[in-house]
Each structure stands twice: as structure tokens, then as C-alpha cells.
Amino acid sequence: MAQEKKISSKFIYFFGSFGGILFGYDIGVMTGALPFLKNDWSLTNASVIGWITSAVMFGAIFGGAFAGQLSDKYGRRKMILVSAVIFAIFSLLSMVSP
């Protein structure tokens, strides 16, 4: 009988908190991009700027809500690969945008 390898709870807590840190960093980066969006898109309405910023959080809410269900249905490895492909495609599109 093969012995199962136990993952330390500290390891899990570290990467769970690290995800929160990265999410906060993303929000900070979005806030730094707002002055450029205001100039490029001629945004003057504060509510529109708020909706643009909150779209990042809405995406996180819906992504988090559906990620668990999709992982249960299709498997974690397949969902990570799909997410990586989507990320790579949109990274390339961001790279070529003017």
C-alpha cells in the first residue's frame, strides 16, 4: 500500500494568502491605469470610472463562483490548462494593442 504524501497546512495557508496579495496588487495596477484611461477615452463621469474599476472585482466574483463547479465537473488540471490558454491569448492581444 502506497503512503499518501501529506501537504502542510502552512503551505496551503501561504498560497491562499498569496492569492489575496496578488489580487490586491491587480487592483492597485488597475488604479494606476485609470489616469491613462481617463485621457485616452475622455472619461469625466466618476460613475463610469467606478464601473470600469469594479469590473475587475465582478470578474473575480463570478470567476470564483464558477471555477469550483467547473473544476469538479472537468477536473482541476484541465481547467488550469484552459485558464492558462485564455490568459496567454489575452496577454498576446494586450501586447499588440496600440
Protein backbone atom coordinates (compact mmCIF):
# COMPACT_ATOMS: atom_id res chain seq x y z
CA MET A 1 0.00 0.00 0.00
CA ALA A 2 1.42 3.37 -1.05
CA GLN A 3 1.70 6.01 1.59
CA GLU A 4 -0.04 9.30 0.80
CA LYS A 5 2.04 12.45 0.97
CA LYS A 6 0.52 14.99 3.35
CA ILE A 7 0.65 18.66 2.39
CA SER A 8 1.43 21.01 5.24
CA SER A 9 -1.37 23.35 6.28
CA LYS A 10 1.19 26.20 6.40
CA PHE A 11 1.89 25.57 2.71
CA ILE A 12 -1.82 25.82 1.88
CA TYR A 13 -2.32 28.94 4.02
CA PHE A 14 0.69 30.63 2.44
CA PHE A 15 -0.55 30.19 -1.10
CA GLY A 16 -4.11 31.09 -0.12
CA SER A 17 -2.93 34.38 1.34
CA PHE A 18 -0.56 34.89 -1.58
CA GLY A 19 -3.58 34.79 -3.92
CA GLY A 20 -5.15 37.61 -1.91
CA ILE A 21 -1.95 39.62 -2.11
CA LEU A 22 -1.83 39.20 -5.89
CA PHE A 23 -5.47 40.22 -6.19
CA GLY A 24 -4.74 43.39 -4.22
CA TYR A 25 -1.76 44.05 -6.46
CA ASP A 26 -4.00 43.70 -9.54
CA ILE A 27 -6.44 46.24 -8.10
CA GLY A 28 -3.53 48.60 -7.45
CA VAL A 29 -2.32 48.21 -11.03
CA MET A 30 -5.83 48.93 -12.30
CA THR A 31 -5.94 52.09 -10.20
CA GLY A 32 -2.63 53.18 -11.73
CA ALA A 33 -4.06 52.71 -15.22
CA LEU A 34 -7.11 54.93 -14.58
CA PRO A 35 -5.43 58.27 -15.42
CA PHE A 36 -4.43 56.88 -18.82
CA LEU A 37 -7.94 55.54 -19.40
CA LYS A 38 -9.40 58.94 -18.49
CA ASN A 39 -7.19 60.66 -21.06
CA ASP A 40 -7.48 58.10 -23.86
CA TRP A 41 -11.24 57.55 -23.53
CA SER A 42 -12.10 61.11 -22.41
CA LEU A 43 -13.79 59.88 -19.26
CA THR A 44 -15.19 62.56 -16.99
CA ASN A 45 -18.07 60.73 -15.30
CA ALA A 46 -17.00 59.27 -11.94
CA SER A 47 -19.60 56.51 -12.06
CA VAL A 48 -18.22 55.20 -15.37
CA ILE A 49 -14.74 55.12 -13.88
CA GLY A 50 -16.15 53.25 -10.88
CA TRP A 51 -17.81 50.69 -13.12
CA ILE A 52 -14.56 50.13 -15.02
CA THR A 53 -12.67 49.56 -11.77
CA SER A 54 -15.34 47.33 -10.25
CA ALA A 55 -15.44 45.18 -13.39
CA VAL A 56 -12.21 43.57 -12.15
CA MET A 57 -13.92 42.60 -8.91
CA PHE A 58 -17.07 41.40 -10.66
CA GLY A 59 -14.90 39.15 -12.80
CA ALA A 60 -13.24 37.76 -9.69
CA ILE A 61 -16.60 37.11 -8.02
CA PHE A 62 -18.09 35.28 -10.98
CA GLY A 63 -14.84 33.50 -11.78
CA GLY A 64 -14.53 32.28 -8.22
CA ALA A 65 -18.15 31.16 -8.14
CA PHE A 66 -17.88 29.11 -11.32
CA ALA A 67 -14.29 27.87 -11.04
CA GLY A 68 -15.09 25.35 -8.32
CA GLN A 69 -18.07 23.93 -10.18
CA LEU A 70 -16.17 23.67 -13.44
CA SER A 71 -13.20 22.05 -11.69
CA ASP A 72 -15.50 19.48 -10.13
CA LYS A 73 -17.06 18.73 -13.50
CA TYR A 74 -13.98 18.74 -15.76
CA GLY A 75 -11.06 18.37 -13.35
CA ARG A 76 -8.56 20.84 -11.93
CA ARG A 77 -5.78 20.11 -14.38
CA LYS A 78 -7.97 20.68 -17.43
CA MET A 79 -9.38 23.92 -16.01
CA ILE A 80 -5.89 25.22 -15.20
CA LEU A 81 -4.80 24.47 -18.77
CA VAL A 82 -7.86 26.22 -20.22
CA SER A 83 -7.25 29.23 -17.95
CA ALA A 84 -3.58 29.35 -18.98
CA VAL A 85 -4.50 29.29 -22.67
CA ILE A 86 -7.07 32.07 -22.20
CA PHE A 87 -4.53 34.10 -20.23
CA ALA A 88 -1.88 33.62 -22.93
CA ILE A 89 -4.26 34.64 -25.72
CA PHE A 90 -5.37 37.82 -23.96
CA SER A 91 -1.79 38.63 -22.96
CA LEU A 92 -0.81 38.49 -26.62
CA LEU A 93 -3.78 40.66 -27.54
CA SER A 94 -2.73 43.16 -24.88
CA MET A 95 0.77 43.14 -26.28
CA VAL A 96 -0.31 44.03 -29.81
CA SER A 97 -2.89 46.67 -28.83
CA PRO A 98 -1.95 50.26 -29.65
